[in-house]
Amino acid sequence: MQLQLLGEPQVHNSLAAAAVAREAGLTVGQIAELLSAATVQSPWRMETTTRADGVTIINDAYNANPNSMRHSLQALAAVARGVGRCTIAVLGRMNELGDDSQAAHEGVGRIAADLGLDQLIVIGGDEARWMQQAAHAVGATTVHMPDQHTALQLLRCTLRSGDVVLIKASRGVELQQLASALLEPDPDPVGA
């Protein structure tokens, strides 16, 4: 079987579902067929769309915490592994981290750098800068954007066929708007 769902946590979820289905009397073949057909059921949770120009957008803007950021970044790296695709993570802040906020954001920046992603674009204030500084300190290519609009302009100018873009932040950042805009045709394409 081959899952259509992206990310290591989906493997664990699928194994749990398979165990329950087996106990309910389904055959291994039935389980494999059903799991292979499973698709994302919630909006903005690892929704993966490949545009007509070959750019893939992974919209995971529903919510974020340090663990989900790590899993999403790992999934981004895995999608491109071995096929030479350019990986771009566009990240915003994680909310409700309290006193651990700076350390958590710095940790996410280091994870992005350690995974060897091609570019990290961070959007927002202090939290974004913490991610950027931590990633940059270990050699990652990073850029800070003050808002979604400027990030959209940058991405529209730089994305090429085969690129894979992950969009992720806490729900309150509303980065799903950026993901949606990236799926719309560019109203002012370069060279037009």
Protein backbone atom coordinates (compact mmCIF):
# COMPACT_ATOMS: atom_id res chain seq x y z
CA MET A 1 0.00 0.00 0.00
CA GLN A 2 1.02 3.60 -0.44
CA LEU A 3 -0.30 6.37 1.77
CA GLN A 4 -1.44 9.58 0.14
CA LEU A 5 -1.00 11.33 3.49
CA LEU A 6 2.27 13.16 4.10
CA GLY A 7 4.42 12.90 7.21
CA GLU A 8 5.70 10.28 9.63
CA PRO A 9 2.82 10.79 12.13
CA GLN A 10 0.45 9.54 9.43
CA VAL A 11 2.29 6.22 9.35
CA HIS A 12 1.65 5.76 13.06
CA ASN A 13 -1.99 6.84 12.67
CA SER A 14 -2.45 4.42 9.79
CA LEU A 15 -0.94 1.53 11.74
CA ALA A 16 -3.34 2.23 14.60
CA ALA A 17 -6.28 2.36 12.18
CA ALA A 18 -5.11 -0.90 10.59
CA ALA A 19 -4.99 -2.64 13.97
CA VAL A 20 -8.54 -1.54 14.78
CA ALA A 21 -9.77 -2.51 11.31
CA ARG A 22 -8.15 -5.94 11.61
CA GLU A 23 -9.86 -6.49 14.97
CA ALA A 24 -13.14 -5.44 13.32
CA GLY A 25 -12.72 -8.25 10.78
CA LEU A 26 -11.32 -6.55 7.69
CA THR A 27 -8.74 -8.42 5.66
CA VAL A 28 -5.20 -7.15 5.16
CA GLY A 29 -6.07 -6.47 1.50
CA GLN A 30 -9.14 -4.43 2.44
CA ILE A 31 -7.17 -2.44 4.98
CA ALA A 32 -4.39 -1.73 2.49
CA GLU A 33 -6.91 -0.60 -0.13
CA LEU A 34 -8.74 1.70 2.28
CA LEU A 35 -5.58 3.23 3.73
CA SER A 36 -4.14 3.76 0.25
CA ALA A 37 -7.26 5.75 -0.67
CA ALA A 38 -7.32 7.87 2.50
CA THR A 39 -6.93 11.62 1.97
CA VAL A 40 -6.66 14.70 4.16
CA GLN A 41 -10.00 15.38 5.82
CA SER A 42 -9.22 18.61 7.67
CA PRO A 43 -8.32 21.84 5.94
CA TRP A 44 -4.80 23.27 6.24
CA ARG A 45 -3.28 20.07 7.66
CA MET A 46 -0.55 18.91 5.31
CA GLU A 47 -2.79 19.69 2.32
CA THR A 48 -0.53 19.05 -0.64
CA THR A 49 -1.27 20.64 -4.01
CA THR A 50 0.92 20.68 -7.09
CA ARG A 51 0.28 23.70 -9.28
CA ALA A 52 0.14 23.50 -13.08
CA ASP A 53 3.69 24.92 -13.21
CA GLY A 54 5.06 22.04 -11.11
CA VAL A 55 5.43 23.91 -7.80
CA THR A 56 4.12 21.92 -4.83
CA ILE A 57 2.50 23.78 -1.92
CA ILE A 58 2.13 21.99 1.43
CA ASN A 59 -0.40 23.96 3.47
CA ASP A 60 0.04 22.98 7.13
CA ALA A 61 -1.14 26.30 8.53
CA TYR A 62 -3.84 24.93 10.82
CA ASN A 63 -1.67 25.07 13.93
CA ALA A 64 1.88 24.64 15.17
CA ASN A 65 3.92 23.57 18.15
CA PRO A 66 7.57 22.49 18.33
CA ASN A 67 6.77 18.83 17.70
CA SER A 68 4.44 19.44 14.75
CA MET A 69 6.94 21.90 13.26
CA ARG A 70 9.65 19.23 13.42
CA HIS A 71 7.43 16.61 11.77
CA SER A 72 6.33 19.01 9.02
CA LEU A 73 9.90 20.09 8.28
CA GLN A 74 10.98 16.43 8.16
CA ALA A 75 8.14 15.69 5.74
CA LEU A 76 9.24 18.60 3.53
CA ALA A 77 12.80 17.27 3.45
CA ALA A 78 11.57 13.74 2.70
CA VAL A 79 9.42 14.87 -0.24
CA ALA A 80 12.46 16.30 -2.00
CA ARG A 81 15.02 13.68 -0.94
CA GLY A 82 16.70 11.99 -3.86
CA VAL A 83 14.90 13.93 -6.58
CA GLY A 84 16.75 17.23 -6.36
CA ARG A 85 13.74 19.39 -5.64
CA CYS A 86 14.25 22.77 -3.98
CA THR A 87 12.76 22.87 -0.46
CA ILE A 88 11.42 26.10 1.01
CA ALA A 89 9.92 26.35 4.50
CA VAL A 90 7.77 29.41 5.17
CA LEU A 91 7.22 29.60 8.91
CA GLY A 92 5.46 31.89 11.34
CA ARG A 93 5.29 31.94 15.11
CA MET A 94 4.06 29.25 17.42
CA ASN A 95 1.65 30.65 19.99
CA GLU A 96 1.09 29.83 23.65
CA LEU A 97 4.62 28.68 24.50
CA GLY A 98 5.10 30.97 27.49
CA ASP A 99 8.61 31.15 28.90
CA ASP A 100 9.77 28.49 26.44
CA SER A 101 8.92 30.57 23.38
CA GLN A 102 12.37 31.79 22.44
CA ALA A 103 14.07 28.43 22.97
CA ALA A 104 11.31 26.63 21.03
CA HIS A 105 11.52 29.00 18.07
CA GLU A 106 15.31 28.80 18.03
CA GLY A 107 15.00 25.00 18.09
CA VAL A 108 12.75 25.05 15.03
CA GLY A 109 15.28 27.23 13.21
CA ARG A 110 18.05 24.75 14.01
CA ILE A 111 15.91 21.82 12.84
CA ALA A 112 15.26 23.54 9.51
CA ALA A 113 19.00 24.13 9.12
CA ASP A 114 19.94 20.58 10.18
CA LEU A 115 17.58 19.13 7.57
CA GLY A 116 19.45 20.98 4.84
CA LEU A 117 16.41 22.79 3.48
CA ASP A 118 17.26 25.12 0.63
CA GLN A 119 15.61 28.17 2.13
CA LEU A 120 13.86 29.22 5.33
CA ILE A 121 11.51 32.18 5.05
CA VAL A 122 10.19 33.44 8.37
CA ILE A 123 7.31 35.85 8.73
CA GLY A 124 6.55 38.14 11.64
CA GLY A 125 8.16 39.63 14.70
CA ASP A 126 10.48 38.39 17.44
CA GLU A 127 9.55 34.72 17.12
CA ALA A 128 10.37 34.72 13.41
CA ARG A 129 13.67 36.46 14.06
CA TRP A 130 14.57 33.84 16.69
CA MET A 131 14.02 31.08 14.13
CA GLN A 132 15.98 32.97 11.49
CA GLN A 133 18.93 33.77 13.74
CA ALA A 134 19.23 30.20 14.99
CA ALA A 135 19.10 28.76 11.47
CA HIS A 136 21.51 31.35 10.11
CA ALA A 137 23.97 30.68 12.95
CA VAL A 138 24.41 27.12 11.68
CA GLY A 139 24.70 28.09 8.03
CA ALA A 140 21.15 27.95 6.66
CA THR A 141 19.90 30.27 3.95
CA THR A 142 17.24 32.37 5.63
CA VAL A 143 15.22 35.50 5.01
CA HIS A 144 12.91 37.47 7.29
CA MET A 145 9.71 38.95 5.89
CA PRO A 146 7.63 41.40 7.93
CA ASP A 147 4.30 40.10 6.63
CA GLN A 148 2.56 37.66 4.30
CA HIS A 149 2.30 40.17 1.46
CA THR A 150 6.06 40.62 1.16
CA ALA A 151 6.60 36.87 1.47
CA LEU A 152 4.09 36.30 -1.33
CA GLN A 153 5.91 38.77 -3.57
CA LEU A 154 9.25 37.07 -2.89
CA LEU A 155 7.85 33.61 -3.56
CA ARG A 156 6.09 34.67 -6.75
CA CYS A 157 9.41 36.00 -8.07
CA THR A 158 11.54 33.01 -7.09
CA LEU A 159 9.51 29.79 -7.28
CA ARG A 160 10.38 27.42 -10.10
CA SER A 161 8.95 24.15 -11.35
CA GLY A 162 9.77 21.31 -8.97
CA ASP A 163 10.06 23.52 -5.88
CA VAL A 164 8.28 22.32 -2.74
CA VAL A 165 7.00 24.94 -0.29
CA LEU A 166 5.83 24.21 3.25
CA ILE A 167 3.61 26.84 4.90
CA LYS A 168 3.30 26.43 8.70
CA ALA A 169 2.50 28.52 11.79
CA SER A 170 0.02 28.69 14.63
CA ARG A 171 -3.58 29.22 13.60
CA GLY A 172 -3.64 32.84 14.79
CA VAL A 173 -0.98 33.79 12.22
CA GLU A 174 -3.41 32.85 9.41
CA LEU A 175 -0.74 31.65 7.00
CA GLN A 176 -3.43 29.65 5.19
CA GLN A 177 -4.06 32.94 3.38
CA LEU A 178 -0.53 32.84 1.98
CA ALA A 179 -0.94 29.21 0.94
CA SER A 180 -4.21 30.06 -0.83
CA ALA A 181 -2.62 33.04 -2.58
CA LEU A 182 0.21 30.84 -3.82
CA LEU A 183 -2.34 28.56 -5.46
CA GLU A 184 -3.95 31.45 -7.34
CA PRO A 185 -2.53 32.70 -10.63
CA ASP A 186 -0.11 35.60 -10.24
CA PRO A 187 -2.06 38.72 -11.23
CA ASP A 188 1.16 40.50 -12.21
CA PRO A 189 3.63 37.90 -13.51
CA VAL A 190 7.24 38.96 -14.02
CA GLY A 191 7.98 39.67 -17.66
CA ALA A 192 4.31 40.05 -18.62
